[in-house]
Amino acid sequence: MFFGLTFEKVLLIGVIAALLIGPERLPRYAELLASTVKRVRDFARGAQTRVREEMGPEFDEVDWRKLDPRQYDPRRIIREALLEDDEPAPKPATPLIAPPRPSGPMVRHTFTAATPPPFDSEAT
């Protein structure tokens, strides 16, 4: 049905609404709900008509299922983008050179209460 609601759920909501609202006000609220649904439906139809008029004949050619955000899969999009790239990546003009490594032993500093860190907080 609508928003994943089954007939039983809609019937249960209707019964609860009838008990909470009361028999005196129920017809007025039902009429209000019906008019609201009608206005929303008319608004959606009007928007669709305006889009169809602005896009012209291409509106019917658009595959709207491709534009469904629920089908968004970043891995698929990246895979397709990489496969569409017909040109191989250009090779760099100069070879990449790794930076020189330090030749001496690595020194690890351990700070204790007797050895304050090199940052002076009063200077800032």
N, C-alpha and C. Protein backbone atom coordinates (compact mmCIF):
# COMPACT_ATOMS: atom_id res chain seq x y z
N MET A 1 0.83 -1.18 0.00
CA MET A 1 0.00 0.00 0.00
C MET A 1 0.88 1.25 0.00
N PHE A 2 0.57 2.18 0.86
CA PHE A 2 1.22 3.48 0.88
C PHE A 2 2.18 3.55 2.05
N PHE A 3 3.44 3.87 1.82
CA PHE A 3 4.48 3.96 2.85
C PHE A 3 4.66 2.64 3.59
N GLY A 4 4.43 1.54 2.91
CA GLY A 4 4.62 0.24 3.54
C GLY A 4 3.51 -0.14 4.50
N LEU A 5 2.38 0.57 4.49
CA LEU A 5 1.27 0.26 5.38
C LEU A 5 0.36 -0.77 4.73
N THR A 6 0.03 -1.79 5.46
CA THR A 6 -0.92 -2.79 4.97
C THR A 6 -2.33 -2.35 5.33
N PHE A 7 -3.30 -3.04 4.80
CA PHE A 7 -4.70 -2.70 5.07
C PHE A 7 -5.01 -2.82 6.55
N GLU A 8 -4.44 -3.84 7.20
CA GLU A 8 -4.70 -4.03 8.63
C GLU A 8 -4.17 -2.87 9.46
N LYS A 9 -2.99 -2.38 9.10
CA LYS A 9 -2.40 -1.25 9.85
C LYS A 9 -3.23 0.02 9.65
N VAL A 10 -3.68 0.26 8.43
CA VAL A 10 -4.51 1.45 8.17
C VAL A 10 -5.82 1.34 8.94
N LEU A 11 -6.41 0.16 8.97
CA LEU A 11 -7.65 -0.06 9.72
C LEU A 11 -7.43 0.17 11.21
N LEU A 12 -6.31 -0.32 11.75
CA LEU A 12 -6.01 -0.12 13.17
C LEU A 12 -5.80 1.36 13.48
N ILE A 13 -5.12 2.08 12.60
CA ILE A 13 -4.93 3.52 12.81
C ILE A 13 -6.28 4.23 12.78
N GLY A 14 -7.16 3.81 11.87
CA GLY A 14 -8.50 4.40 11.79
C GLY A 14 -9.31 4.16 13.06
N VAL A 15 -9.24 2.97 13.60
CA VAL A 15 -9.98 2.66 14.83
C VAL A 15 -9.44 3.48 16.00
N ILE A 16 -8.12 3.56 16.11
CA ILE A 16 -7.52 4.36 17.20
C ILE A 16 -7.88 5.83 17.05
N ALA A 17 -7.85 6.34 15.79
CA ALA A 17 -8.22 7.73 15.56
C ALA A 17 -9.69 7.96 15.93
N ALA A 18 -10.57 7.02 15.61
CA ALA A 18 -11.98 7.17 15.95
C ALA A 18 -12.18 7.20 17.45
N LEU A 19 -11.41 6.40 18.18
CA LEU A 19 -11.53 6.41 19.64
C LEU A 19 -10.97 7.69 20.26
N LEU A 20 -9.85 8.17 19.73
CA LEU A 20 -9.22 9.37 20.30
C LEU A 20 -9.97 10.65 19.94
N ILE A 21 -10.39 10.74 18.68
CA ILE A 21 -11.04 11.97 18.23
C ILE A 21 -12.49 12.03 18.69
N GLY A 22 -13.15 10.91 18.65
CA GLY A 22 -14.55 10.88 19.07
C GLY A 22 -15.48 10.93 17.88
N PRO A 23 -16.69 10.44 18.03
CA PRO A 23 -17.62 10.37 16.90
C PRO A 23 -18.13 11.74 16.45
N GLU A 24 -18.07 12.75 17.34
CA GLU A 24 -18.58 14.07 16.94
C GLU A 24 -17.62 14.77 15.98
N ARG A 25 -16.34 14.67 16.24
CA ARG A 25 -15.35 15.40 15.43
C ARG A 25 -14.77 14.56 14.30
N LEU A 26 -15.00 13.27 14.27
CA LEU A 26 -14.40 12.38 13.28
C LEU A 26 -14.76 12.76 11.83
N PRO A 27 -16.03 13.07 11.51
CA PRO A 27 -16.33 13.44 10.11
C PRO A 27 -15.57 14.68 9.65
N ARG A 28 -15.42 15.65 10.54
CA ARG A 28 -14.70 16.88 10.17
C ARG A 28 -13.23 16.59 9.89
N TYR A 29 -12.61 15.75 10.73
CA TYR A 29 -11.21 15.40 10.53
C TYR A 29 -11.03 14.52 9.29
N ALA A 30 -11.96 13.65 9.01
CA ALA A 30 -11.88 12.82 7.81
C ALA A 30 -11.97 13.69 6.56
N GLU A 31 -12.85 14.68 6.60
CA GLU A 31 -12.98 15.61 5.47
C GLU A 31 -11.69 16.43 5.30
N LEU A 32 -11.12 16.86 6.40
CA LEU A 32 -9.86 17.61 6.35
C LEU A 32 -8.73 16.75 5.77
N LEU A 33 -8.66 15.50 6.19
CA LEU A 33 -7.64 14.59 5.66
C LEU A 33 -7.84 14.37 4.17
N ALA A 34 -9.07 14.17 3.75
CA ALA A 34 -9.35 13.94 2.33
C ALA A 34 -8.98 15.17 1.49
N SER A 35 -9.29 16.36 1.98
CA SER A 35 -8.95 17.57 1.21
C SER A 35 -7.44 17.78 1.17
N THR A 36 -6.75 17.44 2.25
CA THR A 36 -5.29 17.57 2.25
C THR A 36 -4.66 16.60 1.26
N VAL A 37 -5.13 15.37 1.24
CA VAL A 37 -4.61 14.38 0.29
C VAL A 37 -4.88 14.84 -1.14
N LYS A 38 -6.06 15.40 -1.38
CA LYS A 38 -6.41 15.89 -2.70
C LYS A 38 -5.50 17.04 -3.13
N ARG A 39 -5.22 17.97 -2.20
CA ARG A 39 -4.33 19.10 -2.52
C ARG A 39 -2.91 18.63 -2.82
N VAL A 40 -2.43 17.68 -2.04
CA VAL A 40 -1.08 17.15 -2.27
C VAL A 40 -1.02 16.46 -3.63
N ARG A 41 -2.04 15.67 -3.97
CA ARG A 41 -2.07 14.99 -5.26
C ARG A 41 -2.11 16.00 -6.40
N ASP A 42 -2.93 17.06 -6.27
CA ASP A 42 -2.99 18.09 -7.30
C ASP A 42 -1.66 18.82 -7.44
N PHE A 43 -1.00 19.09 -6.32
CA PHE A 43 0.31 19.74 -6.35
C PHE A 43 1.32 18.87 -7.09
N ALA A 44 1.31 17.57 -6.83
CA ALA A 44 2.25 16.66 -7.48
C ALA A 44 1.97 16.59 -8.98
N ARG A 45 0.71 16.53 -9.35
CA ARG A 45 0.37 16.51 -10.78
C ARG A 45 0.78 17.82 -11.46
N GLY A 46 0.55 18.95 -10.78
CA GLY A 46 0.95 20.23 -11.35
C GLY A 46 2.46 20.34 -11.53
N ALA A 47 3.20 19.84 -10.55
CA ALA A 47 4.66 19.87 -10.66
C ALA A 47 5.12 18.98 -11.81
N GLN A 48 4.51 17.83 -11.95
CA GLN A 48 4.87 16.93 -13.04
C GLN A 48 4.54 17.57 -14.39
N THR A 49 3.41 18.24 -14.48
CA THR A 49 3.04 18.91 -15.72
C THR A 49 4.02 20.03 -16.05
N ARG A 50 4.41 20.82 -15.04
CA ARG A 50 5.37 21.90 -15.28
C ARG A 50 6.71 21.35 -15.73
N VAL A 51 7.17 20.29 -15.11
CA VAL A 51 8.45 19.69 -15.52
C VAL A 51 8.35 19.15 -16.94
N ARG A 52 7.25 18.51 -17.26
CA ARG A 52 7.06 17.97 -18.62
C ARG A 52 7.05 19.11 -19.64
N GLU A 53 6.41 20.24 -19.31
CA GLU A 53 6.37 21.38 -20.23
C GLU A 53 7.75 21.99 -20.41
N GLU A 54 8.52 22.08 -19.32
CA GLU A 54 9.84 22.72 -19.41
C GLU A 54 10.87 21.82 -20.09
N MET A 55 10.77 20.51 -19.89
CA MET A 55 11.74 19.60 -20.51
C MET A 55 11.38 19.26 -21.94
N GLY A 56 10.12 19.39 -22.28
CA GLY A 56 9.69 19.08 -23.63
C GLY A 56 9.59 17.58 -23.86
N PRO A 57 9.85 17.15 -25.09
CA PRO A 57 9.70 15.73 -25.41
C PRO A 57 10.74 14.84 -24.72
N GLU A 58 11.82 15.42 -24.22
CA GLU A 58 12.85 14.61 -23.55
C GLU A 58 12.36 14.04 -22.22
N PHE A 59 11.29 14.60 -21.66
CA PHE A 59 10.79 14.14 -20.37
C PHE A 59 10.40 12.67 -20.41
N ASP A 60 9.77 12.25 -21.50
CA ASP A 60 9.34 10.86 -21.61
C ASP A 60 10.50 9.92 -21.89
N GLU A 61 11.63 10.46 -22.40
CA GLU A 61 12.77 9.63 -22.73
C GLU A 61 13.69 9.37 -21.53
N VAL A 62 13.52 10.11 -20.45
CA VAL A 62 14.39 9.97 -19.28
C VAL A 62 14.05 8.67 -18.56
N ASP A 63 15.09 7.91 -18.23
CA ASP A 63 14.90 6.69 -17.43
C ASP A 63 14.96 7.10 -15.96
N TRP A 64 13.80 7.29 -15.34
CA TRP A 64 13.73 7.82 -13.99
C TRP A 64 14.27 6.83 -12.96
N ARG A 65 14.30 5.55 -13.30
CA ARG A 65 14.84 4.57 -12.35
C ARG A 65 16.33 4.76 -12.13
N LYS A 66 17.04 5.26 -13.14
CA LYS A 66 18.47 5.52 -12.98
C LYS A 66 18.72 6.67 -11.99
N LEU A 67 17.76 7.57 -11.84
CA LEU A 67 17.92 8.72 -10.97
C LEU A 67 17.44 8.45 -9.55
N ASP A 68 17.02 7.25 -9.26
CA ASP A 68 16.53 6.89 -7.94
C ASP A 68 17.69 6.87 -6.95
N PRO A 69 17.67 7.70 -5.91
CA PRO A 69 18.81 7.75 -4.98
C PRO A 69 19.00 6.47 -4.20
N ARG A 70 18.01 5.61 -4.15
CA ARG A 70 18.17 4.34 -3.45
C ARG A 70 19.12 3.41 -4.19
N GLN A 71 19.36 3.67 -5.45
CA GLN A 71 20.27 2.84 -6.22
C GLN A 71 21.70 3.36 -6.16
N TYR A 72 21.98 4.35 -5.36
CA TYR A 72 23.30 4.94 -5.24
C TYR A 72 24.24 3.96 -4.58
N ASP A 73 25.27 3.57 -5.29
CA ASP A 73 26.29 2.67 -4.76
C ASP A 73 27.64 3.26 -5.14
N PRO A 74 28.36 3.86 -4.20
CA PRO A 74 29.61 4.54 -4.55
C PRO A 74 30.63 3.60 -5.19
N ARG A 75 30.67 2.35 -4.77
CA ARG A 75 31.64 1.42 -5.37
C ARG A 75 31.35 1.20 -6.85
N ARG A 76 30.07 1.07 -7.19
CA ARG A 76 29.71 0.87 -8.59
C ARG A 76 30.03 2.11 -9.41
N ILE A 77 29.75 3.28 -8.86
CA ILE A 77 30.00 4.53 -9.58
C ILE A 77 31.48 4.69 -9.86
N ILE A 78 32.32 4.41 -8.87
CA ILE A 78 33.77 4.54 -9.06
C ILE A 78 34.25 3.51 -10.08
N ARG A 79 33.74 2.27 -9.97
CA ARG A 79 34.14 1.22 -10.90
C ARG A 79 33.79 1.62 -12.33
N GLU A 80 32.56 2.13 -12.53
CA GLU A 80 32.15 2.54 -13.87
C GLU A 80 32.97 3.72 -14.36
N ALA A 81 33.29 4.66 -13.48
CA ALA A 81 34.08 5.81 -13.90
C ALA A 81 35.49 5.38 -14.30
N LEU A 82 36.05 4.42 -13.59
CA LEU A 82 37.39 3.95 -13.94
C LEU A 82 37.38 3.15 -15.24
N LEU A 83 36.32 2.40 -15.48
CA LEU A 83 36.24 1.62 -16.71
C LEU A 83 35.96 2.50 -17.92
N GLU A 84 35.29 3.63 -17.73
CA GLU A 84 34.99 4.55 -18.82
C GLU A 84 36.22 5.32 -19.27
N ASP A 85 37.22 5.40 -18.41
CA ASP A 85 38.43 6.16 -18.72
C ASP A 85 39.24 5.38 -19.75
N ASP A 86 39.09 5.74 -21.03
CA ASP A 86 39.78 5.03 -22.11
C ASP A 86 41.26 5.38 -22.17
N GLU A 87 41.61 6.60 -21.78
CA GLU A 87 42.99 7.04 -21.85
C GLU A 87 43.74 6.57 -20.61
N PRO A 88 44.90 5.94 -20.81
CA PRO A 88 45.68 5.55 -19.63
C PRO A 88 46.26 6.80 -18.98
N ALA A 89 46.56 6.70 -17.72
CA ALA A 89 47.12 7.83 -16.99
C ALA A 89 48.50 8.16 -17.55
N PRO A 90 48.81 9.46 -17.73
CA PRO A 90 50.12 9.80 -18.27
C PRO A 90 51.22 9.46 -17.27
N LYS A 91 52.35 8.98 -17.83
CA LYS A 91 53.48 8.63 -16.98
C LYS A 91 54.22 9.92 -16.64
N PRO A 92 54.77 10.01 -15.43
CA PRO A 92 55.50 11.23 -15.06
C PRO A 92 56.75 11.39 -15.92
N ALA A 93 57.11 12.64 -16.21
CA ALA A 93 58.26 12.93 -17.05
C ALA A 93 59.56 12.55 -16.35
N THR A 94 59.63 12.77 -15.06
CA THR A 94 60.84 12.41 -14.31
C THR A 94 60.48 11.30 -13.34
N PRO A 95 61.39 10.37 -13.12
CA PRO A 95 61.08 9.31 -12.17
C PRO A 95 61.01 9.86 -10.75
N LEU A 96 60.14 9.27 -9.97
CA LEU A 96 60.00 9.70 -8.59
C LEU A 96 61.18 9.17 -7.79
N ILE A 97 61.79 10.03 -6.98
CA ILE A 97 62.93 9.65 -6.17
C ILE A 97 62.51 9.69 -4.72
N ALA A 98 62.80 8.63 -4.02
CA ALA A 98 62.46 8.56 -2.60
C ALA A 98 63.40 9.47 -1.81
N PRO A 99 62.92 10.14 -0.75
CA PRO A 99 63.79 10.98 0.05
C PRO A 99 64.83 10.13 0.78
N PRO A 100 66.00 10.69 1.05
CA PRO A 100 67.05 9.91 1.73
C PRO A 100 66.62 9.55 3.13
N ARG A 101 67.02 8.35 3.56
CA ARG A 101 66.69 7.88 4.90
C ARG A 101 67.81 8.28 5.85
N PRO A 102 67.48 8.56 7.11
CA PRO A 102 68.54 8.89 8.06
C PRO A 102 69.46 7.68 8.25
N SER A 103 70.76 7.95 8.31
CA SER A 103 71.71 6.85 8.39
C SER A 103 71.99 6.42 9.83
N GLY A 104 71.78 7.31 10.79
CA GLY A 104 72.08 6.99 12.18
C GLY A 104 70.96 6.22 12.84
N PRO A 105 71.20 5.78 14.08
CA PRO A 105 70.14 5.04 14.79
C PRO A 105 69.00 5.99 15.18
N MET A 106 67.82 5.44 15.25
CA MET A 106 66.65 6.22 15.65
C MET A 106 66.71 6.48 17.15
N VAL A 107 66.46 7.71 17.56
CA VAL A 107 66.49 8.06 18.98
C VAL A 107 65.06 8.32 19.41
N ARG A 108 64.65 7.70 20.46
CA ARG A 108 63.31 7.87 20.98
C ARG A 108 63.40 8.65 22.28
N HIS A 109 62.64 9.75 22.37
CA HIS A 109 62.65 10.58 23.57
C HIS A 109 61.53 10.14 24.49
N THR A 110 61.86 10.00 25.75
CA THR A 110 60.87 9.69 26.76
C THR A 110 60.86 10.83 27.76
N PHE A 111 59.68 11.43 27.95
CA PHE A 111 59.56 12.54 28.88
C PHE A 111 59.05 12.04 30.21
N THR A 112 59.69 12.49 31.29
CA THR A 112 59.25 12.17 32.64
C THR A 112 59.00 13.47 33.36
N ALA A 113 58.66 13.38 34.63
CA ALA A 113 58.40 14.59 35.42
C ALA A 113 59.67 15.41 35.57
N ALA A 114 60.84 14.75 35.58
CA ALA A 114 62.11 15.46 35.72
C ALA A 114 62.51 16.13 34.41
N THR A 115 62.04 15.63 33.28
CA THR A 115 62.40 16.19 31.98
C THR A 115 61.15 16.81 31.36
N PRO A 116 61.00 18.12 31.42
CA PRO A 116 59.80 18.74 30.83
C PRO A 116 59.86 18.67 29.30
N PRO A 117 58.74 18.69 28.67
CA PRO A 117 58.72 18.68 27.21
C PRO A 117 59.33 19.97 26.68
N PRO A 118 59.80 19.97 25.44
CA PRO A 118 60.47 21.14 24.89
C PRO A 118 59.56 22.33 24.66
N PHE A 119 58.26 22.20 24.82
CA PHE A 119 57.32 23.30 24.59
C PHE A 119 57.21 24.14 25.86
N ASP A 120 57.39 25.44 25.74
CA ASP A 120 57.30 26.33 26.88
C ASP A 120 55.92 27.01 26.81
N SER A 121 55.03 26.68 27.72
CA SER A 121 53.67 27.21 27.65
C SER A 121 53.62 28.67 28.05
N GLU A 122 54.60 29.18 28.78
CA GLU A 122 54.57 30.59 29.19
C GLU A 122 54.99 31.51 28.05
N ALA A 123 55.71 30.98 27.09
CA ALA A 123 56.17 31.81 25.98
C ALA A 123 55.04 32.16 25.02
N THR A 124 53.97 31.40 25.01
CA THR A 124 52.87 31.66 24.08
C THR A 124 51.83 32.55 24.65
